[in-house]
Amino acid sequence: MSEEEFFKEFGLRVKIYRLKCSFTQAHLGELVNMSEHRISQIENGKCNITLKTINKLSLALNIPSKKLFDFEE
């Protein structure tokens, strides 16, 4: 899997779990102290994020961090 594909798959997982929580990008951004634009970039695989951000996202989405990497699901 290329880096680009990896980021897109990761972003898709963020989006799936965000929608399961019925959160808007703006609301998720507020929960993790990021802009709506930054959440959009993550969901579209346009940026590389830190482990700290991954942890914040998983806590806000109430899922284990590993769920964001389960591309087979």
N, C-alpha and C. Protein backbone atom coordinates (compact mmCIF):
# COMPACT_ATOMS: atom_id res chain seq x y z
N MET A 1 0.86 -1.18 0.00
CA MET A 1 0.00 0.00 0.00
C MET A 1 0.90 1.24 0.00
N SER A 2 0.61 2.14 -0.89
CA SER A 2 1.40 3.37 -0.96
C SER A 2 1.04 4.29 0.20
N GLU A 3 1.89 5.28 0.42
CA GLU A 3 1.64 6.25 1.48
C GLU A 3 0.31 6.97 1.23
N GLU A 4 0.08 7.34 -0.02
CA GLU A 4 -1.16 8.04 -0.38
C GLU A 4 -2.39 7.18 -0.09
N GLU A 5 -2.32 5.91 -0.45
CA GLU A 5 -3.44 5.00 -0.19
C GLU A 5 -3.65 4.81 1.32
N PHE A 6 -2.55 4.73 2.06
CA PHE A 6 -2.64 4.57 3.51
C PHE A 6 -3.37 5.75 4.13
N PHE A 7 -2.97 6.97 3.77
CA PHE A 7 -3.61 8.16 4.33
C PHE A 7 -5.09 8.22 3.96
N LYS A 8 -5.42 7.84 2.73
CA LYS A 8 -6.83 7.84 2.31
C LYS A 8 -7.65 6.82 3.08
N GLU A 9 -7.09 5.63 3.29
CA GLU A 9 -7.80 4.60 4.05
C GLU A 9 -7.99 5.02 5.51
N PHE A 10 -6.94 5.60 6.08
CA PHE A 10 -7.04 6.08 7.45
C PHE A 10 -8.12 7.16 7.55
N GLY A 11 -8.09 8.10 6.64
CA GLY A 11 -9.07 9.18 6.62
C GLY A 11 -10.49 8.66 6.47
N LEU A 12 -10.65 7.64 5.65
CA LEU A 12 -11.97 7.03 5.47
C LEU A 12 -12.47 6.46 6.79
N ARG A 13 -11.58 5.83 7.56
CA ARG A 13 -11.97 5.29 8.86
C ARG A 13 -12.42 6.39 9.80
N VAL A 14 -11.69 7.51 9.80
CA VAL A 14 -12.08 8.65 10.64
C VAL A 14 -13.49 9.10 10.25
N LYS A 15 -13.72 9.23 8.96
CA LYS A 15 -15.03 9.68 8.48
C LYS A 15 -16.14 8.70 8.86
N ILE A 16 -15.90 7.41 8.67
CA ILE A 16 -16.90 6.39 9.00
C ILE A 16 -17.30 6.48 10.47
N TYR A 17 -16.31 6.54 11.36
CA TYR A 17 -16.61 6.58 12.79
C TYR A 17 -17.20 7.93 13.19
N ARG A 18 -16.79 9.01 12.52
CA ARG A 18 -17.40 10.32 12.80
C ARG A 18 -18.89 10.28 12.45
N LEU A 19 -19.22 9.71 11.31
CA LEU A 19 -20.62 9.64 10.90
C LEU A 19 -21.42 8.70 11.80
N LYS A 20 -20.81 7.62 12.28
CA LYS A 20 -21.49 6.72 13.22
C LYS A 20 -21.85 7.45 14.51
N CYS A 21 -21.03 8.44 14.87
CA CYS A 21 -21.30 9.25 16.07
C CYS A 21 -22.23 10.42 15.77
N SER A 22 -22.62 10.56 14.52
CA SER A 22 -23.45 11.69 14.07
C SER A 22 -22.79 13.04 14.34
N PHE A 23 -21.47 13.08 14.19
CA PHE A 23 -20.73 14.32 14.37
C PHE A 23 -20.51 14.98 13.01
N THR A 24 -20.56 16.29 12.99
CA THR A 24 -20.10 17.02 11.82
C THR A 24 -18.58 17.15 11.92
N GLN A 25 -17.96 17.55 10.83
CA GLN A 25 -16.52 17.79 10.89
C GLN A 25 -16.22 18.91 11.88
N ALA A 26 -17.08 19.91 11.91
CA ALA A 26 -16.88 21.03 12.84
C ALA A 26 -16.95 20.56 14.29
N HIS A 27 -17.92 19.71 14.59
CA HIS A 27 -18.07 19.22 15.97
C HIS A 27 -16.87 18.37 16.38
N LEU A 28 -16.43 17.45 15.50
CA LEU A 28 -15.26 16.64 15.81
C LEU A 28 -14.04 17.54 15.99
N GLY A 29 -13.93 18.54 15.15
CA GLY A 29 -12.83 19.49 15.28
C GLY A 29 -12.82 20.18 16.63
N GLU A 30 -13.99 20.57 17.11
CA GLU A 30 -14.08 21.19 18.43
C GLU A 30 -13.63 20.23 19.52
N LEU A 31 -14.03 18.97 19.40
CA LEU A 31 -13.68 17.98 20.41
C LEU A 31 -12.18 17.71 20.49
N VAL A 32 -11.49 17.83 19.37
CA VAL A 32 -10.05 17.54 19.33
C VAL A 32 -9.20 18.80 19.15
N ASN A 33 -9.84 19.97 19.26
CA ASN A 33 -9.15 21.25 19.16
C ASN A 33 -8.46 21.44 17.81
N MET A 34 -9.23 21.18 16.74
CA MET A 34 -8.73 21.37 15.37
C MET A 34 -9.81 22.08 14.57
N SER A 35 -9.39 22.66 13.47
CA SER A 35 -10.37 23.31 12.60
C SER A 35 -11.13 22.26 11.78
N GLU A 36 -12.29 22.66 11.33
CA GLU A 36 -13.09 21.81 10.44
C GLU A 36 -12.28 21.49 9.18
N HIS A 37 -11.53 22.46 8.72
CA HIS A 37 -10.69 22.28 7.52
C HIS A 37 -9.65 21.17 7.75
N ARG A 38 -9.05 21.15 8.93
CA ARG A 38 -8.04 20.14 9.24
C ARG A 38 -8.68 18.75 9.29
N ILE A 39 -9.87 18.64 9.86
CA ILE A 39 -10.58 17.36 9.89
C ILE A 39 -10.86 16.90 8.46
N SER A 40 -11.27 17.82 7.62
CA SER A 40 -11.52 17.51 6.21
C SER A 40 -10.24 17.00 5.54
N GLN A 41 -9.12 17.64 5.81
CA GLN A 41 -7.85 17.20 5.23
C GLN A 41 -7.51 15.78 5.69
N ILE A 42 -7.72 15.49 6.96
CA ILE A 42 -7.45 14.15 7.48
C ILE A 42 -8.34 13.13 6.78
N GLU A 43 -9.63 13.43 6.70
CA GLU A 43 -10.59 12.49 6.09
C GLU A 43 -10.31 12.26 4.61
N ASN A 44 -9.73 13.23 3.96
CA ASN A 44 -9.43 13.11 2.54
C ASN A 44 -8.01 12.63 2.27
N GLY A 45 -7.30 12.23 3.33
CA GLY A 45 -5.96 11.70 3.17
C GLY A 45 -4.94 12.71 2.70
N LYS A 46 -5.15 13.97 3.04
CA LYS A 46 -4.29 15.04 2.54
C LYS A 46 -3.21 15.47 3.53
N CYS A 47 -3.14 14.82 4.70
CA CYS A 47 -2.12 15.23 5.65
C CYS A 47 -1.68 14.06 6.52
N ASN A 48 -0.50 14.21 7.06
CA ASN A 48 0.08 13.25 7.97
C ASN A 48 -0.15 13.78 9.38
N ILE A 49 -0.62 12.94 10.29
CA ILE A 49 -0.91 13.40 11.64
C ILE A 49 -0.06 12.65 12.66
N THR A 50 0.01 13.20 13.86
CA THR A 50 0.83 12.62 14.92
C THR A 50 0.05 11.57 15.71
N LEU A 51 0.79 10.81 16.48
CA LEU A 51 0.16 9.84 17.38
C LEU A 51 -0.74 10.54 18.40
N LYS A 52 -0.34 11.71 18.82
CA LYS A 52 -1.15 12.50 19.75
C LYS A 52 -2.52 12.81 19.14
N THR A 53 -2.53 13.18 17.88
CA THR A 53 -3.78 13.48 17.19
C THR A 53 -4.62 12.21 17.01
N ILE A 54 -3.97 11.11 16.68
CA ILE A 54 -4.69 9.84 16.55
C ILE A 54 -5.36 9.49 17.87
N ASN A 55 -4.65 9.68 18.96
CA ASN A 55 -5.23 9.41 20.27
C ASN A 55 -6.42 10.32 20.56
N LYS A 56 -6.29 11.60 20.25
CA LYS A 56 -7.40 12.54 20.46
C LYS A 56 -8.63 12.13 19.64
N LEU A 57 -8.40 11.75 18.39
CA LEU A 57 -9.51 11.34 17.52
C LEU A 57 -10.20 10.09 18.08
N SER A 58 -9.42 9.11 18.49
CA SER A 58 -10.03 7.88 19.00
C SER A 58 -10.80 8.13 20.28
N LEU A 59 -10.29 8.99 21.14
CA LEU A 59 -11.02 9.32 22.37
C LEU A 59 -12.33 10.05 22.04
N ALA A 60 -12.28 11.00 21.13
CA ALA A 60 -13.47 11.76 20.75
C ALA A 60 -14.51 10.85 20.08
N LEU A 61 -14.04 9.88 19.32
CA LEU A 61 -14.95 8.96 18.61
C LEU A 61 -15.32 7.75 19.46
N ASN A 62 -14.73 7.68 20.66
CA ASN A 62 -15.02 6.61 21.62
C ASN A 62 -14.73 5.21 21.05
N ILE A 63 -13.56 5.11 20.42
CA ILE A 63 -13.12 3.83 19.84
C ILE A 63 -11.65 3.61 20.19
N PRO A 64 -11.20 2.36 20.19
CA PRO A 64 -9.76 2.12 20.34
C PRO A 64 -9.02 2.65 19.11
N SER A 65 -7.85 3.17 19.31
CA SER A 65 -7.06 3.72 18.20
C SER A 65 -6.88 2.72 17.07
N LYS A 66 -6.73 1.45 17.42
CA LYS A 66 -6.48 0.44 16.39
C LYS A 66 -7.61 0.33 15.38
N LYS A 67 -8.82 0.73 15.75
CA LYS A 67 -9.95 0.70 14.81
C LYS A 67 -9.70 1.62 13.62
N LEU A 68 -8.95 2.68 13.83
CA LEU A 68 -8.66 3.62 12.74
C LEU A 68 -7.69 3.02 11.73
N PHE A 69 -7.05 1.91 12.10
CA PHE A 69 -6.09 1.26 11.22
C PHE A 69 -6.61 -0.07 10.67
N ASP A 70 -7.84 -0.41 10.99
CA ASP A 70 -8.40 -1.68 10.54
C ASP A 70 -9.01 -1.49 9.16
N PHE A 71 -8.16 -1.51 8.13
CA PHE A 71 -8.58 -1.24 6.77
C PHE A 71 -9.37 -2.40 6.17
N GLU A 72 -9.39 -3.54 6.82
CA GLU A 72 -10.12 -4.71 6.33
C GLU A 72 -11.59 -4.66 6.72
N GLU A 73 -11.90 -3.85 7.72
CA GLU A 73 -13.26 -3.80 8.28
C GLU A 73 -14.26 -3.21 7.32
